[in-house]
Amino acid sequence: MAKFYYGGQAVIEGVMMRGRKRMVVAVRAPNGQIVLHEEPLTAAIYTRKWGQWPFVRGLRMLWDALGLGMRALLWSADVAVKEDGDDAVSFSGPVAWTTVATALLFAVGVFFLLPTAAAKWLSPGQAGGLLVSLVEGVIRLTLFLLYLWAIGFMPDLRRVFAYHGAEHKTINAFESAAELTLASVRRFTTAHTRCGTGFMLSVMIIAIFVFAPFHFDNVIVRLLSRLVLIPVVAGIAYEFMRFTAARAAHPIVRVLIAPGLLLQRLTTRDPDDAMLECAIAALKPVLAADGVELAAIEALPAPVAAPA
C-alpha cells in the first residue's frame, strides 16, 4: 500500500485534519470548549485504487480538499460566532457551494486570466511564446506574493495563520514519531514540505513552462487555453510535491523546496497552546479511525461533539 500523507488546513478558530477514513474539524467555541465535527471520507481518492493513480490522484485530491476545506471553514465560522444554546447552523447547501464557486472564480480570474491578458500587452512586440509566458508568470507570481503579504495584515487572518502553524507543528510531530503532547508538538517547526502555500508556488512556476507552447495571438484563445491547462498544471505540481516530500533530506531536493518553505513565513504564525490543543484534538480521532497507535497522547480538555 502506498504511503498515506496526513494533512489538513486551518479554519476559523480551529483546525481540520484529514486521514484515510475520516475528516475531523476541531474548533474553539466562544465558551472555551473544543467542538468537534467528524465525517467519513468516501471519495474515490480514499476508496478506489484508480483514485491513487499518478496525476489522477492529484486532481481528485485537490477537488475533494476544496470541498472539504470550504465546508469545514463555513462550519468553523458558525461555531466560532454562535452563542451558547444556539442551534448549530448547517455548513452545506447553496450558500456553501456558492462560496466555493465564487472563491474559485476569483482565484482563476486574478491569478491566471489577468496575468495572461496583461502579458499580451506588456511583452515586446515580436516576443516568442516562452518570453510571453515568462512575463505572464512573473506577473502571476507578483500578484500571488502581494496577495499573501497584504492579507497578513488582517488580524482575523493572522489568527488563521497561527492555526495553520499549529496544524503544521502537529503533523510534523506525528511524522517524526514524537509524542502528541503540548510540550512535544510545540518544539516543531511551522513549515511543512506538503503545505498548500508551497504547492501554489509550484503551480505558478510550472505554469510558465506548460503554458509556453500554447502561444496564441488571439487573447480569447490564450485565455481558454489557460483554463483548459489548469488541471494539467495542478496535476504536475501535486506529483512534484509528493516526490519532493518523500525525498526532503536530499541536498538537491532541499534546494528545490526551500522557496516554498520560505514562503510559508507569510502564511503561518507561531501558535499558542490553545491553538495547539485544537490541532491535536483534530488529529487524534483521525489517527484512531485509521488504527494508528501513538506513543503518548496528552490528556487535553475533553472536546465535545457538534450537534447533529
Protein backbone atom coordinates (compact mmCIF):
# COMPACT_ATOMS: atom_id res chain seq x y z
CA MET A 1 0.00 0.00 0.00
CA ALA A 2 1.30 3.46 -0.90
CA LYS A 3 2.32 5.72 1.95
CA PHE A 4 -0.52 7.91 3.12
CA TYR A 5 0.14 11.56 3.86
CA TYR A 6 -1.93 13.07 6.64
CA GLY A 7 -2.79 16.73 6.34
CA GLY A 8 -5.39 19.38 6.81
CA GLN A 9 -5.86 23.10 6.95
CA ALA A 10 -6.54 25.94 9.32
CA VAL A 11 -10.11 27.14 9.77
CA ILE A 12 -11.65 29.91 11.85
CA GLU A 13 -10.55 29.34 15.44
CA GLY A 14 -9.58 25.78 14.70
CA VAL A 15 -8.01 23.10 12.53
CA MET A 16 -9.29 20.47 10.11
CA MET A 17 -7.38 17.19 9.79
CA ARG A 18 -7.89 14.53 7.12
CA GLY A 19 -6.89 10.84 7.20
CA ARG A 20 -7.67 7.72 5.21
CA LYS A 21 -11.18 7.28 6.57
CA ARG A 22 -12.32 10.42 8.38
CA MET A 23 -12.15 14.18 8.33
CA VAL A 24 -12.27 15.95 11.70
CA VAL A 25 -12.67 19.65 12.45
CA ALA A 26 -11.77 20.94 15.93
CA VAL A 27 -12.89 24.49 16.72
CA ARG A 28 -12.55 26.58 19.88
CA ALA A 29 -16.08 27.75 20.72
CA PRO A 30 -16.77 31.11 22.45
CA ASN A 31 -17.23 29.28 25.77
CA GLY A 32 -13.68 27.91 25.54
CA GLN A 33 -14.62 24.32 24.71
CA ILE A 34 -13.19 22.48 21.71
CA VAL A 35 -16.07 21.38 19.49
CA LEU A 36 -15.55 18.52 17.04
CA HIS A 37 -17.22 17.68 13.76
CA GLU A 38 -16.42 14.35 12.08
CA GLU A 39 -17.46 12.85 8.78
CA PRO A 40 -16.38 9.78 6.78
CA LEU A 41 -14.34 10.15 3.62
CA THR A 42 -16.00 8.33 0.74
CA ALA A 43 -14.45 9.92 -2.37
CA ALA A 44 -12.60 7.69 -4.85
CA ILE A 45 -9.25 9.14 -3.77
CA TYR A 46 -9.74 7.29 -0.49
CA THR A 47 -11.73 4.20 -1.53
CA ARG A 48 -10.65 3.20 -5.08
CA LYS A 49 -7.28 2.03 -6.40
CA TRP A 50 -7.60 4.17 -9.51
CA GLY A 51 -8.03 7.17 -7.24
CA GLN A 52 -4.34 6.76 -6.36
CA TRP A 53 -3.06 6.72 -9.93
CA PRO A 54 -0.41 9.40 -10.54
CA PHE A 55 -1.87 12.70 -11.81
CA VAL A 56 -5.39 11.36 -11.32
CA ARG A 57 -4.87 11.39 -7.55
CA GLY A 58 -3.71 14.99 -7.65
CA LEU A 59 -6.84 16.28 -9.36
CA ARG A 60 -9.14 14.15 -7.24
CA MET A 61 -7.40 15.16 -4.03
CA LEU A 62 -7.47 18.85 -4.90
CA TRP A 63 -11.15 18.77 -5.78
CA ASP A 64 -12.02 16.81 -2.67
CA ALA A 65 -9.83 19.04 -0.48
CA LEU A 66 -11.57 22.11 -1.88
CA GLY A 67 -14.99 20.77 -0.94
CA LEU A 68 -13.92 19.51 2.47
CA GLY A 69 -11.97 22.66 3.21
CA MET A 70 -14.76 25.06 2.34
CA ARG A 71 -17.35 23.08 4.29
CA ALA A 72 -15.02 22.93 7.30
CA LEU A 73 -14.34 26.66 7.03
CA LEU A 74 -18.02 27.57 6.92
CA TRP A 75 -18.84 25.25 9.81
CA SER A 76 -16.00 26.67 11.89
CA ALA A 77 -17.35 30.15 11.32
CA ASP A 78 -20.75 29.04 12.62
CA VAL A 79 -19.21 27.55 15.77
CA ALA A 80 -16.81 30.42 16.40
CA VAL A 81 -19.53 33.08 16.43
CA LYS A 82 -22.60 31.31 17.85
CA GLU A 83 -23.62 31.85 21.46
CA ASP A 84 -24.24 29.06 23.94
CA GLY A 85 -27.58 27.41 23.42
CA ASP A 86 -28.00 28.47 19.81
CA ASP A 87 -28.77 25.81 17.28
CA ALA A 88 -25.86 24.80 15.09
CA VAL A 89 -26.03 26.10 11.55
CA SER A 90 -25.63 23.65 8.69
CA PHE A 91 -22.45 24.12 6.67
CA SER A 92 -23.75 22.59 3.45
CA GLY A 93 -26.13 23.63 0.73
CA PRO A 94 -26.34 26.53 -1.74
CA VAL A 95 -24.50 29.05 0.46
CA ALA A 96 -21.50 26.76 0.83
CA TRP A 97 -21.21 25.91 -2.84
CA THR A 98 -21.85 29.48 -3.95
CA THR A 99 -18.93 30.49 -1.72
CA VAL A 100 -16.76 27.75 -3.22
CA ALA A 101 -17.61 28.81 -6.76
CA THR A 102 -17.00 32.49 -6.04
CA ALA A 103 -13.63 31.83 -4.42
CA LEU A 104 -12.59 29.54 -7.27
CA LEU A 105 -13.62 32.05 -9.95
CA PHE A 106 -11.78 34.83 -8.12
CA ALA A 107 -8.57 32.77 -7.92
CA VAL A 108 -8.73 31.71 -11.57
CA GLY A 109 -9.53 35.24 -12.72
CA VAL A 110 -6.86 37.07 -10.72
CA PHE A 111 -4.02 34.56 -10.82
CA PHE A 112 -4.50 33.04 -14.28
CA LEU A 113 -6.65 35.10 -16.62
CA LEU A 114 -5.49 38.57 -15.57
CA PRO A 115 -1.75 37.77 -15.98
CA THR A 116 -2.46 36.15 -19.36
CA ALA A 117 -4.23 39.26 -20.66
CA ALA A 118 -1.67 41.65 -19.14
CA ALA A 119 1.31 39.75 -20.57
CA LYS A 120 -0.04 40.21 -24.09
CA TRP A 121 0.29 43.99 -23.74
CA LEU A 122 3.45 44.16 -21.64
CA SER A 123 5.62 41.80 -23.73
CA PRO A 124 7.86 43.08 -26.56
CA GLY A 125 6.19 43.20 -29.96
CA GLN A 126 7.95 40.18 -31.52
CA ALA A 127 8.28 38.17 -28.31
CA GLY A 128 8.10 34.39 -28.62
CA GLY A 129 5.88 32.06 -26.64
CA LEU A 130 8.44 31.34 -23.91
CA LEU A 131 9.16 35.03 -23.30
CA VAL A 132 5.47 35.93 -23.14
CA SER A 133 4.86 33.01 -20.77
CA LEU A 134 7.78 34.20 -18.65
CA VAL A 135 6.29 37.70 -18.45
CA GLU A 136 2.92 36.16 -17.66
CA GLY A 137 4.49 34.01 -14.95
CA VAL A 138 6.29 36.97 -13.35
CA ILE A 139 3.01 38.93 -13.24
CA ARG A 140 1.17 35.94 -11.75
CA LEU A 141 3.85 35.32 -9.11
CA THR A 142 3.98 39.01 -8.20
CA LEU A 143 0.21 39.15 -7.70
CA PHE A 144 0.36 35.99 -5.59
CA LEU A 145 3.12 37.31 -3.33
CA LEU A 146 1.43 40.70 -2.95
CA TYR A 147 -1.83 38.98 -2.06
CA LEU A 148 -0.21 36.83 0.64
CA TRP A 149 1.70 39.82 2.02
CA ALA A 150 -1.38 42.05 2.13
CA ILE A 151 -3.76 39.62 3.82
CA GLY A 152 -1.16 39.01 6.52
CA PHE A 153 -2.04 42.43 7.98
CA MET A 154 -5.64 41.39 8.70
CA PRO A 155 -5.98 40.45 12.42
CA ASP A 156 -8.51 37.67 11.80
CA LEU A 157 -6.34 36.07 9.14
CA ARG A 158 -3.28 36.34 11.36
CA ARG A 159 -5.11 34.07 13.81
CA VAL A 160 -5.97 31.68 10.97
CA PHE A 161 -2.29 31.68 10.02
CA ALA A 162 -1.41 30.81 13.63
CA TYR A 163 -3.79 27.84 13.47
CA HIS A 164 -2.08 26.97 10.19
CA GLY A 165 1.19 26.88 12.14
CA ALA A 166 -0.46 24.66 14.77
CA GLU A 167 -1.57 22.23 12.06
CA HIS A 168 1.97 22.03 10.66
CA LYS A 169 3.57 21.56 14.07
CA THR A 170 1.19 18.73 14.90
CA ILE A 171 1.69 16.92 11.58
CA ASN A 172 5.47 17.38 11.88
CA ALA A 173 5.38 15.88 15.37
CA PHE A 174 3.34 12.88 14.22
CA GLU A 175 5.56 12.25 11.19
CA SER A 176 8.62 12.39 13.47
CA ALA A 177 7.05 9.74 15.74
CA ALA A 178 7.04 12.25 18.58
CA GLU A 179 4.51 12.33 21.38
CA LEU A 180 1.35 14.32 20.70
CA THR A 181 1.69 16.45 23.81
CA LEU A 182 1.82 20.23 24.03
CA ALA A 183 5.45 20.22 25.14
CA SER A 184 6.44 17.86 22.31
CA VAL A 185 4.43 19.44 19.49
CA ARG A 186 5.45 22.97 20.47
CA ARG A 187 9.12 22.39 19.59
CA PHE A 188 8.45 21.54 15.93
CA THR A 189 8.62 23.98 13.03
CA THR A 190 5.62 25.73 11.49
CA ALA A 191 6.92 24.90 7.99
CA HIS A 192 5.97 21.72 6.16
CA THR A 193 7.03 20.24 2.82
CA ARG A 194 3.43 19.50 1.74
CA CYS A 195 1.95 22.89 2.55
CA GLY A 196 -0.60 24.36 0.16
CA THR A 197 1.42 27.57 0.04
CA GLY A 198 4.39 25.73 -1.42
CA PHE A 199 2.05 23.85 -3.75
CA MET A 200 0.68 27.13 -5.12
CA LEU A 201 4.20 28.43 -5.67
CA SER A 202 4.95 25.28 -7.68
CA VAL A 203 1.79 25.85 -9.71
CA MET A 204 2.93 29.38 -10.57
CA ILE A 205 6.35 28.21 -11.74
CA ILE A 206 5.26 25.05 -13.57
CA ALA A 207 2.57 27.03 -15.41
CA ILE A 208 5.28 29.09 -17.14
CA PHE A 209 6.63 26.02 -18.93
CA VAL A 210 3.30 24.28 -19.54
CA PHE A 211 1.70 27.41 -20.99
CA ALA A 212 4.71 28.37 -23.18
CA PRO A 213 3.98 26.10 -26.19
CA PHE A 214 0.38 27.36 -26.33
CA HIS A 215 1.10 30.86 -27.57
CA PHE A 216 -1.86 32.31 -29.48
CA ASP A 217 -2.18 35.82 -30.84
CA ASN A 218 -5.89 35.81 -30.09
CA VAL A 219 -6.26 36.78 -26.43
CA ILE A 220 -9.54 34.88 -26.01
CA VAL A 221 -7.98 31.66 -27.30
CA ARG A 222 -5.00 32.21 -24.97
CA LEU A 223 -7.34 32.64 -22.01
CA LEU A 224 -9.28 29.49 -22.91
CA SER A 225 -6.04 27.51 -23.28
CA ARG A 226 -5.05 28.55 -19.75
CA LEU A 227 -8.36 27.38 -18.34
CA VAL A 228 -8.03 24.00 -20.08
CA LEU A 229 -4.42 23.58 -18.89
CA ILE A 230 -5.01 24.45 -15.22
CA PRO A 231 -5.80 20.80 -14.30
CA VAL A 232 -2.63 19.68 -16.10
CA VAL A 233 -0.52 22.19 -14.17
CA ALA A 234 -2.17 21.23 -10.88
CA GLY A 235 -1.60 17.51 -11.52
CA ILE A 236 2.10 18.03 -12.26
CA ALA A 237 2.51 20.30 -9.22
CA TYR A 238 0.88 17.71 -6.95
CA GLU A 239 3.20 14.95 -8.17
CA PHE A 240 6.18 17.28 -7.70
CA MET A 241 5.05 17.96 -4.14
CA ARG A 242 4.76 14.24 -3.34
CA PHE A 243 8.11 13.48 -4.96
CA THR A 244 9.99 16.17 -3.05
CA ALA A 245 8.20 15.46 0.24
CA ALA A 246 9.37 11.84 0.10
CA ARG A 247 12.97 12.94 -0.56
CA ALA A 248 13.18 16.11 1.54
CA ALA A 249 16.53 15.09 3.06
CA HIS A 250 18.31 15.01 -0.31
CA PRO A 251 20.55 18.08 -0.84
CA ILE A 252 19.16 18.88 -4.30
CA VAL A 253 15.57 18.45 -3.11
CA ARG A 254 16.25 20.75 -0.17
CA VAL A 255 17.23 23.45 -2.65
CA LEU A 256 14.06 22.85 -4.70
CA ILE A 257 11.71 23.08 -1.73
CA ALA A 258 13.49 25.97 0.02
CA PRO A 259 11.43 28.74 -1.70
CA GLY A 260 8.16 27.06 -0.71
CA LEU A 261 9.28 26.65 2.89
CA LEU A 262 10.45 30.27 2.99
CA LEU A 263 7.15 31.48 1.57
CA GLN A 264 5.28 29.81 4.43
CA ARG A 265 6.57 32.58 6.68
CA LEU A 266 3.80 34.66 5.12
CA THR A 267 1.03 32.11 5.79
CA THR A 268 1.97 30.66 9.18
CA ARG A 269 2.45 32.18 12.63
CA ASP A 270 3.68 30.64 15.87
CA PRO A 271 0.55 29.30 17.64
CA ASP A 272 -0.30 29.48 21.34
CA ASP A 273 -1.09 26.40 23.43
CA ALA A 274 -4.86 26.74 22.93
CA MET A 275 -4.33 26.55 19.18
CA LEU A 276 -2.06 23.53 19.50
CA GLU A 277 -4.74 21.84 21.59
CA CYS A 278 -7.20 22.24 18.71
CA ALA A 279 -4.76 20.76 16.21
CA ILE A 280 -4.01 17.77 18.45
CA ALA A 281 -7.71 17.27 19.18
CA ALA A 282 -8.43 17.17 15.43
CA LEU A 283 -5.65 14.70 14.64
CA LYS A 284 -6.36 12.22 17.44
CA PRO A 285 -9.69 10.82 16.12
CA VAL A 286 -8.35 10.83 12.54
CA LEU A 287 -5.49 8.58 13.57
CA ALA A 288 -7.77 6.45 15.75
CA ALA A 289 -10.09 5.82 12.80
CA ASP A 290 -7.10 4.57 10.80
CA GLY A 291 -5.96 2.30 13.65
CA VAL A 292 -2.74 4.25 14.21
CA GLU A 293 -1.19 3.65 17.62
CA LEU A 294 0.65 6.58 19.19
CA ALA A 295 3.46 6.55 21.73
CA ALA A 296 1.71 9.02 24.03
CA ILE A 297 -1.18 11.44 23.90
CA GLU A 298 -1.54 14.13 26.47
CA ALA A 299 -4.83 14.38 28.33
CA LEU A 300 -6.29 17.58 26.91
CA PRO A 301 -9.61 19.21 27.81
CA ALA A 302 -12.27 16.86 26.52
CA PRO A 303 -13.78 18.09 23.24
CA VAL A 304 -17.49 17.90 22.66
CA ALA A 305 -19.22 16.58 19.58
CA ALA A 306 -21.04 19.05 17.41
CA PRO A 307 -24.83 18.79 17.46
CA ALA A 308 -26.19 16.51 14.75
